[in-house]
């Protein structure tokens, strides 16, 4: 009977050691997973802030693009694009010039 009890104690000690090893591995995986989730959460936060910063102003018209600035940016030269105008003959208005 004593041998059977000693055998069972030996088996249980081996099982305990194996369980402790598995628990340590799971705890390491848990810590790694928590770090991964923290990085993902941080990335989500950064991207959401970018979306918030990139959102159009409430008065902006969707698809209209940015409004031109009345004041040139520092270091930028003021530039005015000429508007092409078709030459007209005296006495002819532009609307009827092609008819």
C-alpha atoms as a PDB file:
ATOM      1  CA  UNK A   1       0.000   0.000   0.000  1.00  0.00           C
ATOM      2  CA  UNK A   2       2.812   2.377   0.873  1.00  0.00           C
ATOM      3  CA  UNK A   3       4.378   1.937  -2.553  1.00  0.00           C
ATOM      4  CA  UNK A   4       1.096   2.854  -4.221  1.00  0.00           C
ATOM      5  CA  UNK A   5       0.815   6.055  -2.156  1.00  0.00           C
ATOM      6  CA  UNK A   6       4.443   6.973  -2.907  1.00  0.00           C
ATOM      7  CA  UNK A   7       3.794   6.338  -6.602  1.00  0.00           C
ATOM      8  CA  UNK A   8       0.696   8.553  -6.487  1.00  0.00           C
ATOM      9  CA  UNK A   9       2.599  11.331  -4.676  1.00  0.00           C
ATOM     10  CA  UNK A  10       5.290  11.156  -7.351  1.00  0.00           C
ATOM     11  CA  UNK A  11       2.666  11.374 -10.122  1.00  0.00           C
ATOM     12  CA  UNK A  12       0.938  14.314  -8.473  1.00  0.00           C
ATOM     13  CA  UNK A  13       4.248  16.166  -8.005  1.00  0.00           C
ATOM     14  CA  UNK A  14       5.031  15.718 -11.700  1.00  0.00           C
ATOM     15  CA  UNK A  15       1.519  16.897 -12.585  1.00  0.00           C
ATOM     16  CA  UNK A  16       1.900  19.906 -10.273  1.00  0.00           C
ATOM     17  CA  UNK A  17       5.210  20.848 -11.895  1.00  0.00           C
ATOM     18  CA  UNK A  18       3.716  20.479 -15.356  1.00  0.00           C
ATOM     19  CA  UNK A  19       0.717  22.626 -14.351  1.00  0.00           C
ATOM     20  CA  UNK A  20       2.973  25.321 -12.897  1.00  0.00           C
ATOM     21  CA  UNK A  21       4.986  25.374 -16.119  1.00  0.00           C
ATOM     22  CA  UNK A  22       1.796  25.684 -18.197  1.00  0.00           C
ATOM     23  CA  UNK A  23       0.577  28.502 -15.927  1.00  0.00           C
ATOM     24  CA  UNK A  24       3.861  30.394 -16.347  1.00  0.00           C
ATOM     25  CA  UNK A  25       3.604  30.018 -20.146  1.00  0.00           C
ATOM     26  CA  UNK A  26       0.001  31.250 -20.117  1.00  0.00           C
ATOM     27  CA  UNK A  27       0.926  34.223 -17.948  1.00  0.00           C
ATOM     28  CA  UNK A  28       3.707  35.117 -20.397  1.00  0.00           C
ATOM     29  CA  UNK A  29       1.246  34.833 -23.291  1.00  0.00           C
ATOM     30  CA  UNK A  30      -1.234  36.981 -21.364  1.00  0.00           C
ATOM     31  CA  UNK A  31       1.384  39.696 -20.828  1.00  0.00           C
ATOM     32  CA  UNK A  32       2.327  39.575 -24.518  1.00  0.00           C
ATOM     33  CA  UNK A  33      -1.336  39.777 -25.551  1.00  0.00           C
ATOM     34  CA  UNK A  34      -1.929  42.730 -23.203  1.00  0.00           C
ATOM     35  CA  UNK A  35       1.013  44.566 -24.797  1.00  0.00           C
ATOM     36  CA  UNK A  36      -0.364  43.839 -28.267  1.00  0.00           C
ATOM     37  CA  UNK A  37      -3.812  45.096 -27.286  1.00  0.00           C
ATOM     38  CA  UNK A  38      -2.255  48.223 -25.784  1.00  0.00           C
ATOM     39  CA  UNK A  39      -0.378  48.928 -29.036  1.00  0.00           C
ATOM     40  CA  UNK A  40      -3.541  48.371 -31.083  1.00  0.00           C
ATOM     41  CA  UNK A  41      -5.504  50.662 -28.771  1.00  0.00           C
ATOM     42  CA  UNK A  42      -2.828  53.348 -29.124  1.00  0.00           C
ATOM     43  CA  UNK A  43      -2.846  53.030 -32.910  1.00  0.00           C
ATOM     44  CA  UNK A  44      -6.641  53.379 -32.952  1.00  0.00           C
ATOM     45  CA  UNK A  45      -6.412  56.491 -30.799  1.00  0.00           C
ATOM     46  CA  UNK A  46      -3.799  58.095 -33.071  1.00  0.00           C
ATOM     47  CA  UNK A  47      -5.782  57.317 -36.228  1.00  0.00           C
ATOM     48  CA  UNK A  48      -9.002  58.649 -34.701  1.00  0.00           C
ATOM     49  CA  UNK A  49      -7.184  61.865 -33.778  1.00  0.00           C
ATOM     50  CA  UNK A  50      -5.938  62.142 -37.356  1.00  0.00           C
ATOM     51  CA  UNK A  51      -9.494  61.731 -38.600  1.00  0.00           C
ATOM     52  CA  UNK A  52     -10.697  64.410 -36.188  1.00  0.00           C
ATOM     53  CA  UNK A  53      -7.923  66.799 -37.242  1.00  0.00           C
ATOM     54  CA  UNK A  54      -8.588  66.125 -40.933  1.00  0.00           C
ATOM     55  CA  UNK A  55     -12.345  66.644 -40.661  1.00  0.00           C
ATOM     56  CA  UNK A  56     -13.584  69.592 -42.770  1.00  0.00           C
ATOM     57  CA  UNK A  57     -14.692  72.765 -41.030  1.00  0.00           C
ATOM     58  CA  UNK A  58     -18.461  72.933 -40.419  1.00  0.00           C
ATOM     59  CA  UNK A  59     -18.885  75.837 -42.882  1.00  0.00           C
ATOM     60  CA  UNK A  60     -17.008  74.040 -45.658  1.00  0.00           C
ATOM     61  CA  UNK A  61     -18.889  72.687 -48.647  1.00  0.00           C
ATOM     62  CA  UNK A  62     -18.169  68.980 -49.228  1.00  0.00           C
ATOM     63  CA  UNK A  63     -16.009  68.458 -52.289  1.00  0.00           C
ATOM     64  CA  UNK A  64     -15.247  72.175 -52.691  1.00  0.00           C
ATOM     65  CA  UNK A  65     -11.647  71.885 -51.564  1.00  0.00           C
ATOM     66  CA  UNK A  66      -9.790  74.370 -49.383  1.00  0.00           C
ATOM     67  CA  UNK A  67     -10.561  78.056 -49.568  1.00  0.00           C
ATOM     68  CA  UNK A  68      -7.750  80.265 -50.892  1.00  0.00           C
ATOM     69  CA  UNK A  69      -5.917  82.233 -48.265  1.00  0.00           C
ATOM     70  CA  UNK A  70      -6.186  86.018 -48.419  1.00  0.00           C
ATOM     71  CA  UNK A  71      -2.742  86.368 -46.852  1.00  0.00           C
ATOM     72  CA  UNK A  72       0.238  84.688 -48.537  1.00  0.00           C
ATOM     73  CA  UNK A  73       2.056  82.105 -46.470  1.00  0.00           C
ATOM     74  CA  UNK A  74       5.424  83.110 -45.060  1.00  0.00           C
ATOM     75  CA  UNK A  75       8.050  82.706 -47.750  1.00  0.00           C
ATOM     76  CA  UNK A  76       5.447  82.350 -50.488  1.00  0.00           C
ATOM     77  CA  UNK A  77       5.187  85.020 -53.151  1.00  0.00           C
ATOM     78  CA  UNK A  78       1.745  86.416 -53.894  1.00  0.00           C
ATOM     79  CA  UNK A  79       0.647  85.062 -57.264  1.00  0.00           C
ATOM     80  CA  UNK A  80      -2.241  86.177 -59.412  1.00  0.00           C
ATOM     81  CA  UNK A  81      -3.210  84.009 -62.340  1.00  0.00           C
ATOM     82  CA  UNK A  82      -4.302  86.031 -65.374  1.00  0.00           C
ATOM     83  CA  UNK A  83      -7.821  85.386 -66.614  1.00  0.00           C
ATOM     84  CA  UNK A  84      -7.826  84.682 -70.365  1.00  0.00           C
ATOM     85  CA  UNK A  85     -10.027  87.127 -72.253  1.00  0.00           C
ATOM     86  CA  UNK A  86     -10.936  86.678 -75.901  1.00  0.00           C
ATOM     87  CA  UNK A  87     -10.262  89.790 -77.968  1.00  0.00           C
ATOM     88  CA  UNK A  88     -13.396  91.501 -79.253  1.00  0.00           C
ATOM     89  CA  UNK A  89     -13.970  93.864 -82.110  1.00  0.00           C
ATOM     90  CA  UNK A  90     -15.404  97.280 -81.315  1.00  0.00           C
ATOM     91  CA  UNK A  91     -19.182  97.192 -81.432  1.00  0.00           C
ATOM     92  CA  UNK A  92     -19.404  93.414 -80.853  1.00  0.00           C
ATOM     93  CA  UNK A  93     -20.169  91.940 -77.510  1.00  0.00           C
ATOM     94  CA  UNK A  94     -18.595  88.658 -76.439  1.00  0.00           C
ATOM     95  CA  UNK A  95     -21.857  86.726 -76.350  1.00  0.00           C
ATOM     96  CA  UNK A  96     -22.524  87.262 -80.050  1.00  0.00           C
ATOM     97  CA  UNK A  97     -18.916  87.302 -81.203  1.00  0.00           C
ATOM     98  CA  UNK A  98     -19.074  83.672 -82.438  1.00  0.00           C
ATOM     99  CA  UNK A  99     -22.371  83.925 -84.302  1.00  0.00           C
END
